[in-house]
């Protein structure tokens, strides 16, 4: 991520469609303090929240990224091309 190259440590990062490998899935990553501020009893808020098809796709994509070592591969490829 360009954030690391620039030495930026963001409070919130949003990620979109690539998470679902073509299926529209997004995510928000934030600090524990900010996440706790949203803990008002409503655990999840999203237009498509809880869609079982999207959940299954998201879990599958994350499993493949982990099982196939894609994060490490991208890190290595990034070093080579830099």
PDB file of N, CA and C in Angstrom:
ATOM      1  N   UNK A   1       0.828  -1.174   0.000  1.00  0.00           N
ATOM      2  CA  UNK A   1       0.000   0.000   0.000  1.00  0.00           C
ATOM      3  C   UNK A   1       0.875   1.240   0.000  1.00  0.00           C
ATOM      4  N   UNK A   2       0.482   2.254  -0.718  1.00  0.00           N
ATOM      5  CA  UNK A   2       1.222   3.489  -0.774  1.00  0.00           C
ATOM      6  C   UNK A   2       1.380   4.177   0.562  1.00  0.00           C
ATOM      7  N   UNK A   3       0.506   3.863   1.488  1.00  0.00           N
ATOM      8  CA  UNK A   3       0.595   4.469   2.818  1.00  0.00           C
ATOM      9  C   UNK A   3       1.921   4.148   3.484  1.00  0.00           C
ATOM     10  N   UNK A   4       2.357   2.923   3.362  1.00  0.00           N
ATOM     11  CA  UNK A   4       3.615   2.508   3.991  1.00  0.00           C
ATOM     12  C   UNK A   4       4.808   3.195   3.349  1.00  0.00           C
ATOM     13  N   UNK A   5       4.779   3.331   2.039  1.00  0.00           N
ATOM     14  CA  UNK A   5       5.882   3.987   1.339  1.00  0.00           C
ATOM     15  C   UNK A   5       6.029   5.423   1.822  1.00  0.00           C
ATOM     16  N   UNK A   6       4.900   6.090   2.045  1.00  0.00           N
ATOM     17  CA  UNK A   6       4.922   7.477   2.491  1.00  0.00           C
ATOM     18  C   UNK A   6       5.074   7.634   3.987  1.00  0.00           C
ATOM     19  N   UNK A   7       5.122   6.520   4.714  1.00  0.00           N
ATOM     20  CA  UNK A   7       5.264   6.587   6.162  1.00  0.00           C
ATOM     21  C   UNK A   7       4.022   7.075   6.874  1.00  0.00           C
ATOM     22  N   UNK A   8       2.868   6.937   6.242  1.00  0.00           N
ATOM     23  CA  UNK A   8       1.610   7.408   6.814  1.00  0.00           C
ATOM     24  C   UNK A   8       0.977   6.285   7.648  1.00  0.00           C
ATOM     25  N   UNK A   9       0.491   6.625   8.824  1.00  0.00           N
ATOM     26  CA  UNK A   9      -0.250   5.681   9.656  1.00  0.00           C
ATOM     27  C   UNK A   9      -1.665   6.245   9.799  1.00  0.00           C
ATOM     28  N   UNK A  10      -2.600   5.778   8.969  1.00  0.00           N
ATOM     29  CA  UNK A  10      -3.953   6.331   8.971  1.00  0.00           C
ATOM     30  C   UNK A  10      -4.789   5.850  10.152  1.00  0.00           C
ATOM     31  N   UNK A  11      -5.801   6.623  10.481  1.00  0.00           N
ATOM     32  CA  UNK A  11      -6.766   6.203  11.496  1.00  0.00           C
ATOM     33  C   UNK A  11      -7.776   5.223  10.922  1.00  0.00           C
ATOM     34  N   UNK A  12      -8.154   5.434   9.654  1.00  0.00           N
ATOM     35  CA  UNK A  12      -9.143   4.587   8.987  1.00  0.00           C
ATOM     36  C   UNK A  12      -8.691   4.360   7.542  1.00  0.00           C
ATOM     37  N   UNK A  13      -8.832   3.115   7.070  1.00  0.00           N
ATOM     38  CA  UNK A  13      -8.564   2.784   5.673  1.00  0.00           C
ATOM     39  C   UNK A  13      -9.788   2.048   5.145  1.00  0.00           C
ATOM     40  N   UNK A  14     -10.275   2.450   3.989  1.00  0.00           N
ATOM     41  CA  UNK A  14     -11.376   1.733   3.344  1.00  0.00           C
ATOM     42  C   UNK A  14     -10.828   1.009   2.118  1.00  0.00           C
ATOM     43  N   UNK A  15     -11.350  -0.179   1.873  1.00  0.00           N
ATOM     44  CA  UNK A  15     -10.938  -0.982   0.722  1.00  0.00           C
ATOM     45  C   UNK A  15     -12.190  -1.446   0.009  1.00  0.00           C
ATOM     46  N   UNK A  16     -12.133  -1.474  -1.306  1.00  0.00           N
ATOM     47  CA  UNK A  16     -13.332  -1.788  -2.053  1.00  0.00           C
ATOM     48  C   UNK A  16     -13.278  -3.079  -2.833  1.00  0.00           C
ATOM     49  N   UNK A  17     -13.862  -3.059  -3.981  1.00  0.00           N
ATOM     50  CA  UNK A  17     -14.196  -4.237  -4.782  1.00  0.00           C
ATOM     51  C   UNK A  17     -13.104  -5.294  -4.942  1.00  0.00           C
ATOM     52  N   UNK A  18     -11.832  -4.984  -4.969  1.00  0.00           N
ATOM     53  CA  UNK A  18     -10.850  -6.061  -5.150  1.00  0.00           C
ATOM     54  C   UNK A  18     -10.918  -7.144  -4.067  1.00  0.00           C
ATOM     55  N   UNK A  19     -11.487  -6.842  -2.930  1.00  0.00           N
ATOM     56  CA  UNK A  19     -11.563  -7.834  -1.858  1.00  0.00           C
ATOM     57  C   UNK A  19     -12.374  -9.064  -2.261  1.00  0.00           C
ATOM     58  N   UNK A  20     -13.300  -8.908  -3.168  1.00  0.00           N
ATOM     59  CA  UNK A  20     -14.149 -10.024  -3.582  1.00  0.00           C
ATOM     60  C   UNK A  20     -13.734 -10.646  -4.895  1.00  0.00           C
ATOM     61  N   UNK A  21     -12.558 -10.286  -5.393  1.00  0.00           N
ATOM     62  CA  UNK A  21     -12.063 -10.825  -6.664  1.00  0.00           C
ATOM     63  C   UNK A  21     -13.119 -10.711  -7.766  1.00  0.00           C
ATOM     64  N   UNK A  22     -13.711  -9.544  -7.867  1.00  0.00           N
ATOM     65  CA  UNK A  22     -14.740  -9.280  -8.866  1.00  0.00           C
ATOM     66  C   UNK A  22     -16.135  -9.155  -8.295  1.00  0.00           C
ATOM     67  N   UNK A  23     -16.356  -9.708  -7.134  1.00  0.00           N
ATOM     68  CA  UNK A  23     -17.638  -9.567  -6.440  1.00  0.00           C
ATOM     69  C   UNK A  23     -17.539  -8.340  -5.543  1.00  0.00           C
ATOM     70  N   UNK A  24     -18.539  -7.468  -5.539  1.00  0.00           N
ATOM     71  CA  UNK A  24     -18.432  -6.214  -4.777  1.00  0.00           C
ATOM     72  C   UNK A  24     -18.439  -6.404  -3.257  1.00  0.00           C
ATOM     73  N   UNK A  25     -17.247  -6.430  -2.692  1.00  0.00           N
ATOM     74  CA  UNK A  25     -17.071  -6.530  -1.245  1.00  0.00           C
ATOM     75  C   UNK A  25     -16.139  -5.404  -0.821  1.00  0.00           C
ATOM     76  N   UNK A  26     -16.431  -4.789   0.291  1.00  0.00           N
ATOM     77  CA  UNK A  26     -15.576  -3.723   0.810  1.00  0.00           C
ATOM     78  C   UNK A  26     -15.282  -3.972   2.282  1.00  0.00           C
ATOM     79  N   UNK A  27     -14.288  -3.250   2.800  1.00  0.00           N
ATOM     80  CA  UNK A  27     -13.938  -3.397   4.210  1.00  0.00           C
ATOM     81  C   UNK A  27     -13.429  -2.062   4.750  1.00  0.00           C
ATOM     82  N   UNK A  28     -13.521  -1.930   6.059  1.00  0.00           N
ATOM     83  CA  UNK A  28     -12.967  -0.790   6.767  1.00  0.00           C
ATOM     84  C   UNK A  28     -12.006  -1.338   7.815  1.00  0.00           C
ATOM     85  N   UNK A  29     -10.802  -0.788   7.840  1.00  0.00           N
ATOM     86  CA  UNK A  29      -9.810  -1.162   8.844  1.00  0.00           C
ATOM     87  C   UNK A  29      -9.498   0.099   9.635  1.00  0.00           C
ATOM     88  N   UNK A  30      -9.505  -0.024  10.952  1.00  0.00           N
ATOM     89  CA  UNK A  30      -9.298   1.158  11.782  1.00  0.00           C
ATOM     90  C   UNK A  30      -8.611   0.776  13.085  1.00  0.00           C
ATOM     91  N   UNK A  31      -8.380   1.750  13.908  1.00  0.00           N
ATOM     92  CA  UNK A  31      -7.777   1.497  15.209  1.00  0.00           C
ATOM     93  C   UNK A  31      -8.827   0.940  16.163  1.00  0.00           C
ATOM     94  N   UNK A  32      -8.387   0.270  17.193  1.00  0.00           N
ATOM     95  CA  UNK A  32      -9.305  -0.270  18.200  1.00  0.00           C
ATOM     96  C   UNK A  32     -10.114   0.857  18.828  1.00  0.00           C
ATOM     97  N   UNK A  33      -9.474   2.004  19.109  1.00  0.00           N
ATOM     98  CA  UNK A  33     -10.180   3.123  19.759  1.00  0.00           C
ATOM     99  C   UNK A  33     -11.334   3.623  18.898  1.00  0.00           C
ATOM    100  N   UNK A  34     -11.115   3.749  17.611  1.00  0.00           N
ATOM    101  CA  UNK A  34     -12.188   4.215  16.717  1.00  0.00           C
ATOM    102  C   UNK A  34     -13.274   3.148  16.599  1.00  0.00           C
ATOM    103  N   UNK A  35     -12.886   1.898  16.459  1.00  0.00           N
ATOM    104  CA  UNK A  35     -13.882   0.820  16.376  1.00  0.00           C
ATOM    105  C   UNK A  35     -14.737   0.785  17.635  1.00  0.00           C
ATOM    106  N   UNK A  36     -14.101   0.940  18.792  1.00  0.00           N
ATOM    107  CA  UNK A  36     -14.851   0.934  20.053  1.00  0.00           C
ATOM    108  C   UNK A  36     -15.846   2.084  20.127  1.00  0.00           C
ATOM    109  N   UNK A  37     -15.523   3.224  19.504  1.00  0.00           N
ATOM    110  CA  UNK A  37     -16.427   4.374  19.513  1.00  0.00           C
ATOM    111  C   UNK A  37     -17.720   4.077  18.747  1.00  0.00           C
ATOM    112  N   UNK A  38     -17.651   3.141  17.800  1.00  0.00           N
ATOM    113  CA  UNK A  38     -18.836   2.751  17.031  1.00  0.00           C
ATOM    114  C   UNK A  38     -19.652   1.669  17.734  1.00  0.00           C
ATOM    115  N   UNK A  39     -19.140   1.123  18.816  1.00  0.00           N
ATOM    116  CA  UNK A  39     -19.813   0.030  19.522  1.00  0.00           C
ATOM    117  C   UNK A  39     -20.941   0.587  20.390  1.00  0.00           C
ATOM    118  N   UNK A  40     -22.048   0.828  19.729  1.00  0.00           N
ATOM    119  CA  UNK A  40     -23.211   1.407  20.420  1.00  0.00           C
ATOM    120  C   UNK A  40     -24.373   0.417  20.481  1.00  0.00           C
ATOM    121  N   UNK A  41     -24.079  -0.860  20.267  1.00  0.00           N
ATOM    122  CA  UNK A  41     -25.130  -1.868  20.286  1.00  0.00           C
ATOM    123  C   UNK A  41     -25.453  -2.399  18.903  1.00  0.00           C
ATOM    124  N   UNK A  42     -25.285  -1.571  17.878  1.00  0.00           N
ATOM    125  CA  UNK A  42     -25.493  -2.022  16.504  1.00  0.00           C
ATOM    126  C   UNK A  42     -24.150  -2.555  16.011  1.00  0.00           C
ATOM    127  N   UNK A  43     -24.064  -3.829  15.752  1.00  0.00           N
ATOM    128  CA  UNK A  43     -22.790  -4.467  15.451  1.00  0.00           C
ATOM    129  C   UNK A  43     -22.338  -4.319  14.002  1.00  0.00           C
ATOM    130  N   UNK A  44     -23.248  -4.117  13.092  1.00  0.00           N
ATOM    131  CA  UNK A  44     -22.842  -4.032  11.689  1.00  0.00           C
ATOM    132  C   UNK A  44     -23.817  -3.140  10.947  1.00  0.00           C
ATOM    133  N   UNK A  45     -23.284  -2.291  10.093  1.00  0.00           N
ATOM    134  CA  UNK A  45     -24.152  -1.425   9.301  1.00  0.00           C
ATOM    135  C   UNK A  45     -23.617  -1.347   7.885  1.00  0.00           C
ATOM    136  N   UNK A  46     -24.439  -1.789   6.940  1.00  0.00           N
ATOM    137  CA  UNK A  46     -24.059  -1.788   5.544  1.00  0.00           C
ATOM    138  C   UNK A  46     -25.302  -2.117   4.735  1.00  0.00           C
ATOM    139  N   UNK A  47     -25.354  -1.619   3.533  1.00  0.00           N
ATOM    140  CA  UNK A  47     -26.493  -1.883   2.665  1.00  0.00           C
ATOM    141  C   UNK A  47     -26.700  -3.375   2.447  1.00  0.00           C
ATOM    142  N   UNK A  48     -25.609  -4.103   2.229  1.00  0.00           N
ATOM    143  CA  UNK A  48     -25.699  -5.524   1.925  1.00  0.00           C
ATOM    144  C   UNK A  48     -25.192  -6.386   3.083  1.00  0.00           C
ATOM    145  N   UNK A  49     -25.119  -5.843   4.265  1.00  0.00           N
ATOM    146  CA  UNK A  49     -24.566  -6.558   5.423  1.00  0.00           C
ATOM    147  C   UNK A  49     -25.234  -7.894   5.672  1.00  0.00           C
ATOM    148  N   UNK A  50     -24.432  -8.908   5.868  1.00  0.00           N
ATOM    149  CA  UNK A  50     -24.955 -10.221   6.214  1.00  0.00           C
ATOM    150  C   UNK A  50     -25.361 -11.081   5.038  1.00  0.00           C
ATOM    151  N   UNK A  51     -25.167 -10.606   3.827  1.00  0.00           N
ATOM    152  CA  UNK A  51     -25.502 -11.382   2.643  1.00  0.00           C
ATOM    153  C   UNK A  51     -24.649 -12.657   2.648  1.00  0.00           C
ATOM    154  N   UNK A  52     -25.270 -13.833   2.738  1.00  0.00           N
ATOM    155  CA  UNK A  52     -24.487 -15.067   2.857  1.00  0.00           C
ATOM    156  C   UNK A  52     -23.607 -15.364   1.641  1.00  0.00           C
ATOM    157  N   UNK A  53     -24.039 -14.970   0.450  1.00  0.00           N
ATOM    158  CA  UNK A  53     -23.226 -15.200  -0.745  1.00  0.00           C
ATOM    159  C   UNK A  53     -21.960 -14.348  -0.670  1.00  0.00           C
ATOM    160  N   UNK A  54     -22.110 -13.068  -0.331  1.00  0.00           N
ATOM    161  CA  UNK A  54     -20.947 -12.189  -0.225  1.00  0.00           C
ATOM    162  C   UNK A  54     -20.008 -12.650   0.886  1.00  0.00           C
ATOM    163  N   UNK A  55     -20.562 -13.097   1.998  1.00  0.00           N
ATOM    164  CA  UNK A  55     -19.738 -13.599   3.107  1.00  0.00           C
ATOM    165  C   UNK A  55     -18.928 -14.815   2.670  1.00  0.00           C
ATOM    166  N   UNK A  56     -19.558 -15.734   1.960  1.00  0.00           N
ATOM    167  CA  UNK A  56     -18.865 -16.938   1.496  1.00  0.00           C
ATOM    168  C   UNK A  56     -17.752 -16.583   0.511  1.00  0.00           C
ATOM    169  N   UNK A  57     -18.037 -15.647  -0.377  1.00  0.00           N
ATOM    170  CA  UNK A  57     -17.025 -15.225  -1.344  1.00  0.00           C
ATOM    171  C   UNK A  57     -15.858 -14.551  -0.620  1.00  0.00           C
ATOM    172  N   UNK A  58     -16.156 -13.663   0.308  1.00  0.00           N
ATOM    173  CA  UNK A  58     -15.105 -12.986   1.060  1.00  0.00           C
ATOM    174  C   UNK A  58     -14.229 -13.961   1.819  1.00  0.00           C
ATOM    175  N   UNK A  59     -14.839 -14.911   2.499  1.00  0.00           N
ATOM    176  CA  UNK A  59     -14.075 -15.920   3.238  1.00  0.00           C
ATOM    177  C   UNK A  59     -13.198 -16.751   2.304  1.00  0.00           C
ATOM    178  N   UNK A  60     -13.735 -17.098   1.142  1.00  0.00           N
ATOM    179  CA  UNK A  60     -12.978 -17.897   0.176  1.00  0.00           C
ATOM    180  C   UNK A  60     -11.780 -17.125  -0.354  1.00  0.00           C
ATOM    181  N   UNK A  61     -11.983 -15.870  -0.717  1.00  0.00           N
ATOM    182  CA  UNK A  61     -10.876 -15.053  -1.217  1.00  0.00           C
ATOM    183  C   UNK A  61      -9.793 -14.922  -0.149  1.00  0.00           C
ATOM    184  N   UNK A  62     -10.174 -14.638   1.095  1.00  0.00           N
ATOM    185  CA  UNK A  62      -9.185 -14.504   2.164  1.00  0.00           C
ATOM    186  C   UNK A  62      -8.442 -15.823   2.405  1.00  0.00           C
ATOM    187  N   UNK A  63      -9.149 -16.936   2.329  1.00  0.00           N
ATOM    188  CA  UNK A  63      -8.505 -18.242   2.519  1.00  0.00           C
ATOM    189  C   UNK A  63      -7.479 -18.505   1.411  1.00  0.00           C
ATOM    190  N   UNK A  64      -7.839 -18.188   0.174  1.00  0.00           N
ATOM    191  CA  UNK A  64      -6.919 -18.398  -0.945  1.00  0.00           C
ATOM    192  C   UNK A  64      -5.689 -17.500  -0.804  1.00  0.00           C
ATOM    193  N   UNK A  65      -5.904 -16.246  -0.425  1.00  0.00           N
ATOM    194  CA  UNK A  65      -4.769 -15.330  -0.225  1.00  0.00           C
ATOM    195  C   UNK A  65      -3.817 -15.907   0.816  1.00  0.00           C
ATOM    196  N   UNK A  66      -4.363 -16.437   1.908  1.00  0.00           N
ATOM    197  CA  UNK A  66      -3.523 -17.002   2.962  1.00  0.00           C
ATOM    198  C   UNK A  66      -2.900 -18.333   2.535  1.00  0.00           C
ATOM    199  N   UNK A  67      -3.717 -19.263   2.037  1.00  0.00           N
ATOM    200  CA  UNK A  67      -3.224 -20.607   1.693  1.00  0.00           C
ATOM    201  C   UNK A  67      -2.180 -20.583   0.577  1.00  0.00           C
ATOM    202  N   UNK A  68      -2.347 -19.690  -0.377  1.00  0.00           N
ATOM    203  CA  UNK A  68      -1.429 -19.624  -1.515  1.00  0.00           C
ATOM    204  C   UNK A  68      -0.260 -18.662  -1.290  1.00  0.00           C
ATOM    205  N   UNK A  69      -0.191 -18.043  -0.109  1.00  0.00           N
ATOM    206  CA  UNK A  69       0.918 -17.143   0.204  1.00  0.00           C
ATOM    207  C   UNK A  69       0.968 -15.908  -0.679  1.00  0.00           C
ATOM    208  N   UNK A  70      -0.194 -15.411  -1.086  1.00  0.00           N
ATOM    209  CA  UNK A  70      -0.227 -14.294  -2.032  1.00  0.00           C
ATOM    210  C   UNK A  70       0.282 -12.981  -1.448  1.00  0.00           C
ATOM    211  N   UNK A  71       0.090 -12.762  -0.157  1.00  0.00           N
ATOM    212  CA  UNK A  71       0.586 -11.533   0.456  1.00  0.00           C
ATOM    213  C   UNK A  71       2.120 -11.514   0.421  1.00  0.00           C
ATOM    214  N   UNK A  72       2.741 -12.608   0.785  1.00  0.00           N
ATOM    215  CA  UNK A  72       4.207 -12.693   0.751  1.00  0.00           C
ATOM    216  C   UNK A  72       4.727 -12.565  -0.672  1.00  0.00           C
ATOM    217  N   UNK A  73       4.011 -13.175  -1.612  1.00  0.00           N
ATOM    218  CA  UNK A  73       4.413 -13.086  -3.013  1.00  0.00           C
ATOM    219  C   UNK A  73       4.348 -11.644  -3.515  1.00  0.00           C
ATOM    220  N   UNK A  74       3.294 -10.938  -3.135  1.00  0.00           N
ATOM    221  CA  UNK A  74       3.168  -9.532  -3.544  1.00  0.00           C
ATOM    222  C   UNK A  74       4.271  -8.688  -2.919  1.00  0.00           C
ATOM    223  N   UNK A  75       4.620  -8.979  -1.681  1.00  0.00           N
ATOM    224  CA  UNK A  75       5.699  -8.245  -1.000  1.00  0.00           C
ATOM    225  C   UNK A  75       7.022  -8.462  -1.736  1.00  0.00           C
ATOM    226  N   UNK A  76       7.297  -9.711  -2.093  1.00  0.00           N
ATOM    227  CA  UNK A  76       8.527 -10.023  -2.829  1.00  0.00           C
ATOM    228  C   UNK A  76       8.526  -9.366  -4.203  1.00  0.00           C
ATOM    229  N   UNK A  77       7.405  -9.454  -4.906  1.00  0.00           N
ATOM    230  CA  UNK A  77       7.301  -8.840  -6.234  1.00  0.00           C
ATOM    231  C   UNK A  77       7.484  -7.337  -6.164  1.00  0.00           C
ATOM    232  N   UNK A  78       6.960  -6.735  -5.112  1.00  0.00           N
ATOM    233  CA  UNK A  78       7.094  -5.292  -4.936  1.00  0.00           C
ATOM    234  C   UNK A  78       8.539  -4.871  -4.746  1.00  0.00           C
ATOM    235  N   UNK A  79       9.287  -5.664  -4.004  1.00  0.00           N
ATOM    236  CA  UNK A  79      10.718  -5.373  -3.808  1.00  0.00           C
ATOM    237  C   UNK A  79      11.493  -5.486  -5.103  1.00  0.00           C
ATOM    238  N   UNK A  80      11.177  -6.494  -5.905  1.00  0.00           N
ATOM    239  CA  UNK A  80      11.870  -6.720  -7.158  1.00  0.00           C
ATOM    240  C   UNK A  80      11.629  -5.568  -8.136  1.00  0.00           C
ATOM    241  N   UNK A  81      10.386  -5.082  -8.195  1.00  0.00           N
ATOM    242  CA  UNK A  81      10.041  -4.038  -9.171  1.00  0.00           C
ATOM    243  C   UNK A  81      10.413  -2.642  -8.693  1.00  0.00           C
ATOM    244  N   UNK A  82      10.797  -2.495  -7.431  1.00  0.00           N
ATOM    245  CA  UNK A  82      11.150  -1.163  -6.924  1.00  0.00           C
ATOM    246  C   UNK A  82      12.541  -0.747  -7.309  1.00  0.00           C
TER     247      UNK A  82
END
